[in-house]
Amino acid sequence: MKAGASVAYQMYTSGTTGEPKAVQISHRSLSCRLEWMADTFQEYTQVILQKTRNTFDVSNWELLL
């Protein structure tokens, strides 16, 4: 298994079919997003608003950065 390819978390969506489907998010995906955010918001004077409930997957980016 490649580095970072292991599953960081799994979420479920019904999509357009109404049938639940699992989507696995890899550590690599999460770390790439965090790296991009760190490069984009690199000044200490910039802040990120925690606007997402921590039960929603997007909150990972806000919490971990």
C-alpha atoms as a PDB file:
ATOM      1  CA  MET A   1       0.000   0.000   0.000  1.00  0.00           C
ATOM      2  CA  LYS A   2       1.353   3.430  -0.931  1.00  0.00           C
ATOM      3  CA  ALA A   3       2.141   5.951   1.785  1.00  0.00           C
ATOM      4  CA  GLY A   4      -0.934   7.992   2.598  1.00  0.00           C
ATOM      5  CA  ALA A   5      -3.245   5.614   0.777  1.00  0.00           C
ATOM      6  CA  SER A   6      -4.808   4.247   3.955  1.00  0.00           C
ATOM      7  CA  VAL A   7      -8.308   5.407   4.833  1.00  0.00           C
ATOM      8  CA  ALA A   8      -8.521   8.485   7.072  1.00  0.00           C
ATOM      9  CA  TYR A   9     -12.304   8.399   7.349  1.00  0.00           C
ATOM     10  CA  GLN A  10     -15.361   7.082   5.596  1.00  0.00           C
ATOM     11  CA  MET A  11     -18.587   8.917   4.894  1.00  0.00           C
ATOM     12  CA  TYR A  12     -21.893   7.819   3.502  1.00  0.00           C
ATOM     13  CA  THR A  13     -23.955   9.469   0.811  1.00  0.00           C
ATOM     14  CA  SER A  14     -27.179   8.540  -0.894  1.00  0.00           C
ATOM     15  CA  GLY A  15     -26.282  10.422  -4.055  1.00  0.00           C
ATOM     16  CA  THR A  16     -29.033  10.605  -6.635  1.00  0.00           C
ATOM     17  CA  THR A  17     -30.107   6.971  -6.280  1.00  0.00           C
ATOM     18  CA  GLY A  18     -31.317   7.132  -2.690  1.00  0.00           C
ATOM     19  CA  GLU A  19     -29.163   4.096  -1.870  1.00  0.00           C
ATOM     20  CA  PRO A  20     -26.441   4.648   0.762  1.00  0.00           C
ATOM     21  CA  LYS A  21     -22.902   4.437  -0.609  1.00  0.00           C
ATOM     22  CA  ALA A  22     -19.666   4.569   1.334  1.00  0.00           C
ATOM     23  CA  VAL A  23     -16.919   6.920   0.162  1.00  0.00           C
ATOM     24  CA  GLN A  24     -13.463   6.443   1.641  1.00  0.00           C
ATOM     25  CA  ILE A  25     -11.197   9.462   2.041  1.00  0.00           C
ATOM     26  CA  SER A  26      -7.473   8.700   2.154  1.00  0.00           C
ATOM     27  CA  HIS A  27      -4.906  10.300   4.413  1.00  0.00           C
ATOM     28  CA  ARG A  28      -3.218  11.584   1.267  1.00  0.00           C
ATOM     29  CA  SER A  29      -6.335  13.488   0.195  1.00  0.00           C
ATOM     30  CA  LEU A  30      -6.675  15.089   3.591  1.00  0.00           C
ATOM     31  CA  SER A  31      -2.979  15.978   3.865  1.00  0.00           C
ATOM     32  CA  CYS A  32      -2.907  17.483   0.344  1.00  0.00           C
ATOM     33  CA  ARG A  33      -5.852  19.724   1.225  1.00  0.00           C
ATOM     34  CA  LEU A  34      -4.215  20.798   4.489  1.00  0.00           C
ATOM     35  CA  GLU A  35      -0.932  21.504   2.701  1.00  0.00           C
ATOM     36  CA  TRP A  36      -2.739  23.698   0.160  1.00  0.00           C
ATOM     37  CA  MET A  37      -4.534  25.562   2.939  1.00  0.00           C
ATOM     38  CA  ALA A  38      -1.293  26.094   4.871  1.00  0.00           C
ATOM     39  CA  ASP A  39       0.353  27.546   1.740  1.00  0.00           C
ATOM     40  CA  THR A  40      -2.650  29.743   0.989  1.00  0.00           C
ATOM     41  CA  PHE A  41      -3.155  31.031   4.541  1.00  0.00           C
ATOM     42  CA  GLN A  42       0.464  31.268   5.613  1.00  0.00           C
ATOM     43  CA  GLU A  43       0.370  34.596   7.454  1.00  0.00           C
ATOM     44  CA  TYR A  44      -0.267  34.506  11.177  1.00  0.00           C
ATOM     45  CA  THR A  45      -2.612  37.484  10.823  1.00  0.00           C
ATOM     46  CA  GLN A  46      -5.037  35.371   8.795  1.00  0.00           C
ATOM     47  CA  VAL A  47      -7.612  33.252  10.574  1.00  0.00           C
ATOM     48  CA  ILE A  48      -9.999  30.539   9.500  1.00  0.00           C
ATOM     49  CA  LEU A  49     -13.524  30.622  10.826  1.00  0.00           C
ATOM     50  CA  GLN A  50     -14.809  27.342  12.260  1.00  0.00           C
ATOM     51  CA  LYS A  51     -18.172  27.535  10.505  1.00  0.00           C
ATOM     52  CA  THR A  52     -18.892  23.864   9.954  1.00  0.00           C
ATOM     53  CA  ARG A  53     -20.279  21.423  12.484  1.00  0.00           C
ATOM     54  CA  ASN A  54     -17.640  18.916  13.514  1.00  0.00           C
ATOM     55  CA  THR A  55     -19.840  16.051  12.294  1.00  0.00           C
ATOM     56  CA  PHE A  56     -19.439  17.219   8.672  1.00  0.00           C
ATOM     57  CA  ASP A  57     -16.332  16.050   6.800  1.00  0.00           C
ATOM     58  CA  VAL A  58     -15.337  19.565   5.677  1.00  0.00           C
ATOM     59  CA  SER A  59     -14.778  20.445   9.348  1.00  0.00           C
ATOM     60  CA  ASN A  60     -11.598  18.303   9.243  1.00  0.00           C
ATOM     61  CA  TRP A  61      -9.893  20.978   7.172  1.00  0.00           C
ATOM     62  CA  GLU A  62     -10.987  23.732   9.523  1.00  0.00           C
ATOM     63  CA  LEU A  63     -10.085  21.841  12.695  1.00  0.00           C
ATOM     64  CA  LEU A  64      -6.736  20.404  11.630  1.00  0.00           C
ATOM     65  CA  LEU A  65      -5.184  23.426   9.971  1.00  0.00           C
END
